[in-house]
Each structure stands twice: as C-alpha cells, then as structure tokens.
Amino acid sequence: MPKTFPASMPGIDGHAHVFSRELDLTAARRYSPDYDATLAMYQHELHTHGLSHGVLVQPSFLGTDNSYLLDALRQAPDQLRGVVVVDRDISRAALEEMDRLGVVGIRLNLMGKALPDFSAPPWQTLFRHIAELDWHVELHRPIADMPGLIHALMPSGVKIVLDHFGRPDARLGLDQPGFQETLALAQGGQLWMKVSGIYRLEGDDRQNLTFARAALPLLMQSFGEQRLVWGSDWPHTQHEKRVSYGSVVEQLQALGCPEKAMRSLLVEAPQMLFDFASIEA
C-alpha cells in the first residue's frame, strides 16, 4: 500500500518537475535524464498519494526553455502552478503571458555557479517585474551562501523561497555556517522555505532525517508555519533509483508534524504562496 495523506486533507505538492528525455537540453547541464516524467505520470502520483494540486518547477537541464512546463499548465490550469527559469532580460510582456498561464515565480538554481551580483541593473529590473506581478524568487544554493543572497534580494521586496531546507549539509548540524543567520533573517516575514528534498542534505538517510527533525521546530519558530511548504521533488532527479514518491511522503510523516502543522504545510501555506483558489479539506 502506498503511503498517502488522510482523505480529509487534500493538499498541494509544492515542488515537482515534468520533462521528456527527447527535449533539447541546455549545454550547461550537470545531469541528463534518460527517462520521461510526464504530466500524466505526475498526476497519477498525486492521485495515488491523496494530493489534489501541484507546483511544477523548471528543471535546470532545460535551461530557459519553459515550453514543456507551460504546456502542462495549459492542460491543467486549475490543478497546477508553475515556477520558471528565465533570462535576466526577459520582457515584461513575456512574464505577463506566463502569469496568465499560472506561473507564480522564477527559480535561480545557483548550485555550482558563480554568485550573481543582484545589484546589477538587469537583475534589479527583473526583480521589480517579479515584485509587481506578486511572484516569488526561489533560491537553490548551499546554506552557507544563503544569507548573502537573501540580504541582496530583500530590498527588492520580492517573496524569497529557499529550496530543500536551504540546502544545508546534514553532517554539519544546526550550527553550520549560514543556517542560524538564515533563521534570523526569516523572522522578517519575507522568506519562505520548502520542507523538501530531505534525501539531498548530503548525509546518509539517517543523518538527513535526524537533521530535518531537529531543524523543523526551529523553522516553524523563525519562518512561522504559514511560510513553510512541502514538496515531493518528484521525480527525484539524480536520486530516482532509490527514492520514490512514496518514500518522500514517508520522510515527511516521519518528521512527526502535529496535524495543524501538517495542514499548513500541505494546504494553507502553499495555497497562499502559489496563489491557488480555495481547496476543500
């Protein structure tokens, strides 16, 4: 039997990817999929595990060609929202067209890349557009660099979302560089975090889950339950041979969230961040 959420609690998966192995991949990619992760396959996972809605995030290996993601949004506009990857100089008109399709944010996957200078005029123009559209900026970068990125982004007024617990190293514990400072910055109300990708926290499975369990109460205190969202990270790229949708649901349930906190993670917080209409629960 697959691990599922209670039937009384339909909810939102705040982080997943769709793609086909036949799509053109960006030359700068770190990973190339040898399988398909289609919308129909994703919708099957949602249904199987008792979830109702999802947020599709552009995978880094597709670069700024968001056409496959946008087509998925067209097919299920009430069920899905999108987070895209864009060039700094993208036009306002192009962003507004994506907004009409259900895009609610942009992702900056900075893993393995030089840190950007967010004070540069092209970045400032892009962030102004993002703020005016009421989108968010999603950051994917190891936790040690998060405080500097957050400080640079905060003056723009955009909502800031940190991927996968902020990408800490579970082996280094709660006092590792960047983690406590990020907690302090979260108290200002501009930051959100995805409680997702526990298996990406650099340690073994036991270390990763131990860290996540210890970190979650601190995140709830600093971010507030209303700014924490869960995501499956389906189809678990680079970990797909040992991680499944069911296993990440098990990891979430192993965190021992009280029912009120679980409802916030799955319904109330993502409903607000990703601009979903009211969900019955």
Protein backbone atom coordinates (compact mmCIF):
# COMPACT_ATOMS: atom_id res chain seq x y z
CA MET A 1 0.00 0.00 0.00
CA PRO A 2 1.41 3.44 -0.91
CA LYS A 3 1.85 6.00 1.83
CA THR A 4 -0.89 8.58 1.48
CA PHE A 5 -2.26 11.61 3.27
CA PRO A 6 -5.66 11.45 5.01
CA ALA A 7 -8.63 11.71 2.67
CA SER A 8 -9.84 14.63 4.77
CA MET A 9 -6.68 16.58 3.89
CA PRO A 10 -6.28 17.04 0.13
CA GLY A 11 -3.31 19.26 -0.47
CA ILE A 12 -0.61 20.76 -2.62
CA ASP A 13 2.72 19.31 -3.67
CA GLY A 14 4.85 22.46 -3.80
CA HIS A 15 7.79 21.17 -5.87
CA ALA A 16 7.87 18.72 -8.78
CA HIS A 17 9.23 18.52 -12.32
CA VAL A 18 7.92 17.31 -15.67
CA PHE A 19 10.03 16.64 -18.77
CA SER A 20 10.72 14.28 -21.64
CA ARG A 21 14.07 12.74 -22.48
CA GLU A 22 13.55 13.88 -26.07
CA LEU A 23 13.58 17.59 -25.25
CA ASP A 24 16.58 19.75 -26.12
CA LEU A 25 18.81 20.03 -23.06
CA THR A 26 20.91 23.06 -22.17
CA ALA A 27 24.64 22.73 -22.85
CA ALA A 28 25.49 23.86 -19.30
CA ARG A 29 23.59 21.00 -17.62
CA ARG A 30 25.02 18.86 -14.81
CA TYR A 31 22.60 16.00 -15.42
CA SER A 32 20.79 14.39 -18.36
CA PRO A 33 17.65 12.31 -17.74
CA ASP A 34 17.27 9.00 -19.57
CA TYR A 35 13.54 8.67 -18.84
CA ASP A 36 10.30 10.63 -19.13
CA ALA A 37 8.44 12.39 -16.32
CA THR A 38 5.20 13.39 -17.99
CA LEU A 39 2.24 15.33 -16.69
CA ALA A 40 0.08 12.20 -16.77
CA MET A 41 2.65 10.32 -14.70
CA TYR A 42 2.79 13.17 -12.17
CA GLN A 43 -0.99 13.41 -11.91
CA HIS A 44 -1.06 9.67 -11.22
CA GLU A 45 1.37 10.16 -8.32
CA LEU A 46 -0.75 12.96 -6.89
CA HIS A 47 -3.89 10.85 -7.07
CA THR A 48 -2.18 7.75 -5.67
CA HIS A 49 -0.94 9.65 -2.62
CA GLY A 50 -4.08 11.61 -1.88
CA LEU A 51 -2.97 15.03 -3.10
CA SER A 52 -5.02 17.37 -5.25
CA HIS A 53 -2.72 20.10 -6.65
CA GLY A 54 0.89 20.58 -7.68
CA VAL A 55 3.57 23.13 -8.48
CA LEU A 56 5.82 22.41 -11.46
CA VAL A 57 9.36 23.80 -11.25
CA GLN A 58 11.51 24.16 -14.36
CA PRO A 59 14.39 21.64 -14.17
CA SER A 60 17.84 23.13 -14.62
CA PHE A 61 18.75 20.85 -17.55
CA LEU A 62 16.07 22.50 -19.71
CA GLY A 63 17.52 25.97 -19.19
CA THR A 64 15.18 28.85 -20.01
CA ASP A 65 13.01 26.92 -22.49
CA ASN A 66 9.90 26.61 -20.33
CA SER A 67 7.62 25.44 -23.15
CA TYR A 68 7.08 21.90 -21.80
CA LEU A 69 6.15 23.24 -18.35
CA LEU A 70 3.87 25.92 -19.81
CA ASP A 71 2.09 23.33 -21.94
CA ALA A 72 1.44 21.29 -18.79
CA LEU A 73 -0.10 24.38 -17.15
CA ARG A 74 -2.39 24.82 -20.15
CA GLN A 75 -3.60 21.23 -19.76
CA ALA A 76 -4.47 21.53 -16.06
CA PRO A 77 -4.87 25.22 -15.21
CA ASP A 78 -6.91 24.69 -12.05
CA GLN A 79 -4.66 21.95 -10.67
CA LEU A 80 -1.20 23.33 -11.37
CA ARG A 81 1.02 26.36 -10.89
CA GLY A 82 4.48 26.92 -12.34
CA VAL A 83 7.91 28.24 -11.40
CA VAL A 84 10.08 29.08 -14.41
CA VAL A 85 13.72 29.78 -15.24
CA VAL A 86 14.20 32.95 -17.28
CA ASP A 87 16.92 35.14 -18.75
CA ARG A 88 17.59 38.36 -16.84
CA ASP A 89 16.46 40.47 -19.78
CA ILE A 90 13.14 38.72 -20.40
CA SER A 91 10.43 41.16 -21.41
CA ARG A 92 7.59 42.23 -19.14
CA ALA A 93 5.15 41.06 -21.82
CA ALA A 94 6.62 37.53 -21.74
CA LEU A 95 6.35 37.44 -17.95
CA GLU A 96 2.74 38.62 -18.08
CA GLU A 97 1.87 35.87 -20.57
CA MET A 98 3.38 33.29 -18.20
CA ASP A 99 1.41 34.87 -15.37
CA ARG A 100 -1.82 34.30 -17.28
CA LEU A 101 -0.91 30.62 -17.62
CA GLY A 102 -0.38 30.15 -13.89
CA VAL A 103 3.30 30.92 -13.32
CA VAL A 104 3.89 32.29 -9.83
CA GLY A 105 7.67 32.57 -9.54
CA ILE A 106 11.14 32.21 -11.02
CA ARG A 107 13.84 29.80 -9.91
CA LEU A 108 17.50 30.66 -9.57
CA ASN A 109 19.37 27.36 -9.46
CA LEU A 110 22.81 28.57 -8.38
CA MET A 111 24.30 25.21 -7.47
CA GLY A 112 27.86 25.08 -8.76
CA LYS A 113 27.67 28.56 -10.29
CA ALA A 114 29.36 31.88 -9.56
CA LEU A 115 27.29 34.02 -7.23
CA PRO A 116 25.35 36.70 -9.15
CA ASP A 117 25.53 40.41 -8.42
CA PHE A 118 21.90 41.22 -7.71
CA SER A 119 22.69 44.95 -7.62
CA ALA A 120 23.31 44.94 -11.39
CA PRO A 121 20.62 46.86 -13.34
CA PRO A 122 19.31 43.83 -15.31
CA TRP A 123 18.67 41.93 -12.08
CA GLN A 124 17.03 44.97 -10.49
CA THR A 125 14.68 45.37 -13.46
CA LEU A 126 13.76 41.68 -13.37
CA PHE A 127 13.10 41.74 -9.63
CA ARG A 128 10.93 44.83 -10.00
CA HIS A 129 8.79 42.95 -12.52
CA ILE A 130 8.62 39.92 -10.22
CA ALA A 131 7.52 42.05 -7.25
CA GLU A 132 4.87 43.85 -9.31
CA LEU A 133 3.47 40.52 -10.51
CA ASP A 134 3.45 39.27 -6.89
CA TRP A 135 5.63 36.31 -7.85
CA HIS A 136 8.45 34.86 -5.76
CA VAL A 137 12.14 34.21 -6.34
CA GLU A 138 13.21 30.66 -5.49
CA LEU A 139 16.85 30.17 -4.47
CA HIS A 140 18.73 26.88 -4.79
CA ARG A 141 22.18 27.20 -3.24
CA PRO A 142 24.05 25.71 -0.24
CA ILE A 143 23.03 27.28 3.08
CA ALA A 144 26.41 28.93 3.70
CA ASP A 145 25.72 31.37 0.85
CA MET A 146 22.03 31.94 1.57
CA PRO A 147 22.36 34.90 3.98
CA GLY A 148 24.33 36.95 1.46
CA LEU A 149 21.84 36.20 -1.32
CA ILE A 150 18.90 36.98 0.94
CA HIS A 151 20.41 40.30 2.06
CA ALA A 152 20.91 41.26 -1.60
CA LEU A 153 17.34 40.31 -2.57
CA MET A 154 15.43 41.76 0.36
CA PRO A 155 15.46 45.43 -0.78
CA SER A 156 13.60 44.44 -3.95
CA GLY A 157 10.58 43.45 -1.87
CA VAL A 158 10.10 40.08 -3.60
CA LYS A 159 8.98 36.99 -1.74
CA ILE A 160 12.02 34.74 -1.31
CA VAL A 161 11.66 30.95 -1.27
CA LEU A 162 14.52 28.68 -0.19
CA ASP A 163 14.71 25.25 -1.79
CA HIS A 164 15.09 21.98 0.11
CA PHE A 165 15.61 23.23 3.69
CA GLY A 166 18.02 25.83 2.25
CA ARG A 167 20.38 23.00 1.18
CA PRO A 168 22.29 22.51 4.45
CA ASP A 169 24.78 19.70 4.98
CA ALA A 170 23.11 17.36 7.48
CA ARG A 171 26.52 16.12 8.64
CA LEU A 172 27.42 19.58 9.98
CA GLY A 173 24.46 20.04 12.31
CA LEU A 174 22.40 23.08 13.21
CA ASP A 175 25.37 25.37 13.85
CA GLN A 176 26.83 25.14 10.34
CA PRO A 177 27.66 28.39 8.55
CA GLY A 178 24.58 30.20 7.28
CA PHE A 179 21.86 28.20 9.00
CA GLN A 180 21.34 30.24 12.14
CA GLU A 181 21.70 33.52 10.22
CA THR A 182 19.05 32.35 7.78
CA LEU A 183 16.73 31.58 10.69
CA ALA A 184 17.24 35.12 11.97
CA LEU A 185 16.53 36.64 8.57
CA ALA A 186 13.33 34.61 8.28
CA GLN A 187 11.79 36.45 11.21
CA GLY A 188 11.24 39.50 8.98
CA GLY A 189 8.39 37.75 7.13
CA GLN A 190 9.80 37.94 3.59
CA LEU A 191 11.20 34.39 3.49
CA TRP A 192 9.54 31.05 2.78
CA MET A 193 11.11 27.60 2.84
CA LYS A 194 10.37 24.32 1.12
CA VAL A 195 10.40 21.40 3.53
CA SER A 196 11.52 19.08 0.76
CA GLY A 197 14.43 17.08 -0.61
CA ILE A 198 15.48 15.55 2.72
CA TYR A 199 17.47 13.00 0.72
CA ARG A 200 19.54 15.84 -0.78
CA LEU A 201 21.01 17.03 2.53
CA GLU A 202 24.48 15.50 1.90
CA GLY A 203 24.45 12.93 4.70
CA ASP A 204 23.20 9.35 4.75
CA ASP A 205 19.49 8.67 5.19
CA ARG A 206 19.71 8.55 8.99
CA GLN A 207 21.74 11.77 9.24
CA ASN A 208 19.44 13.59 6.85
CA LEU A 209 16.25 12.64 8.68
CA THR A 210 17.83 13.41 12.07
CA PHE A 211 18.80 16.87 10.85
CA ALA A 212 15.36 17.52 9.35
CA ARG A 213 13.63 16.51 12.58
CA ALA A 214 15.87 18.81 14.63
CA ALA A 215 15.57 21.69 12.16
CA LEU A 216 11.79 21.68 11.68
CA PRO A 217 10.84 23.17 15.10
CA LEU A 218 13.41 25.95 14.54
CA LEU A 219 11.99 26.63 11.09
CA MET A 220 8.47 26.79 12.48
CA GLN A 221 9.62 29.26 15.10
CA SER A 222 11.55 31.54 12.71
CA PHE A 223 9.57 31.30 9.47
CA GLY A 224 6.23 30.54 11.06
CA GLU A 225 4.08 27.61 9.98
CA GLN A 226 2.40 29.87 7.42
CA ARG A 227 5.64 30.21 5.42
CA LEU A 228 6.72 26.57 5.21
CA VAL A 229 5.56 24.43 2.28
CA TRP A 230 6.15 20.79 1.40
CA GLY A 231 7.24 19.41 -1.96
CA SER A 232 7.86 15.90 -3.25
CA ASP A 233 10.70 16.90 -5.62
CA TRP A 234 9.32 14.24 -7.99
CA PRO A 235 10.81 12.52 -9.98
CA HIS A 236 13.82 12.92 -7.65
CA THR A 237 16.41 13.61 -10.36
CA GLN A 238 19.83 12.05 -9.72
CA HIS A 239 18.23 10.00 -6.91
CA GLU A 240 15.45 8.33 -8.88
CA LYS A 241 16.86 4.82 -8.49
CA ARG A 242 16.49 4.84 -4.70
CA VAL A 243 13.83 7.48 -3.97
CA SER A 244 10.13 7.33 -4.82
CA TYR A 245 7.09 9.48 -4.24
CA GLY A 246 6.04 7.09 -1.50
CA SER A 247 9.40 7.30 0.25
CA VAL A 248 9.34 11.11 0.42
CA VAL A 249 5.82 11.00 1.84
CA GLU A 250 7.18 8.60 4.46
CA GLN A 251 10.01 11.05 5.24
CA LEU A 252 7.53 13.85 5.78
CA GLN A 253 5.37 11.70 8.02
CA ALA A 254 8.49 10.64 9.96
CA LEU A 255 9.06 14.28 10.95
CA GLY A 256 6.17 13.93 13.36
CA CYS A 257 4.38 17.15 12.47
CA PRO A 258 1.29 17.91 14.55
CA GLU A 259 -1.91 17.79 12.49
CA LYS A 260 -2.21 21.59 12.47
CA ALA A 261 1.35 22.00 11.15
CA MET A 262 0.80 19.28 8.54
CA ARG A 263 -2.33 21.02 7.29
CA SER A 264 -0.38 24.27 7.00
CA LEU A 265 2.44 22.56 5.05
CA LEU A 266 0.06 20.87 2.64
CA VAL A 267 -2.81 23.33 2.29
CA GLU A 268 -2.77 26.73 3.90
CA ALA A 269 0.80 27.93 3.29
CA PRO A 270 1.13 26.69 -0.32
CA GLN A 271 -2.37 27.92 -1.08
CA MET A 272 -1.19 31.43 -0.24
CA LEU A 273 2.31 31.29 -1.74
CA PHE A 274 1.29 29.68 -5.03
CA ASP A 275 -2.00 31.56 -5.47
CA PHE A 276 -4.39 28.61 -5.51
CA ALA A 277 -8.11 29.10 -5.16
CA SER A 278 -9.76 27.69 -2.05
CA ILE A 279 -9.23 23.96 -1.60
CA GLU A 280 -11.83 21.91 0.21
CA ALA A 281 -10.48 19.96 3.14
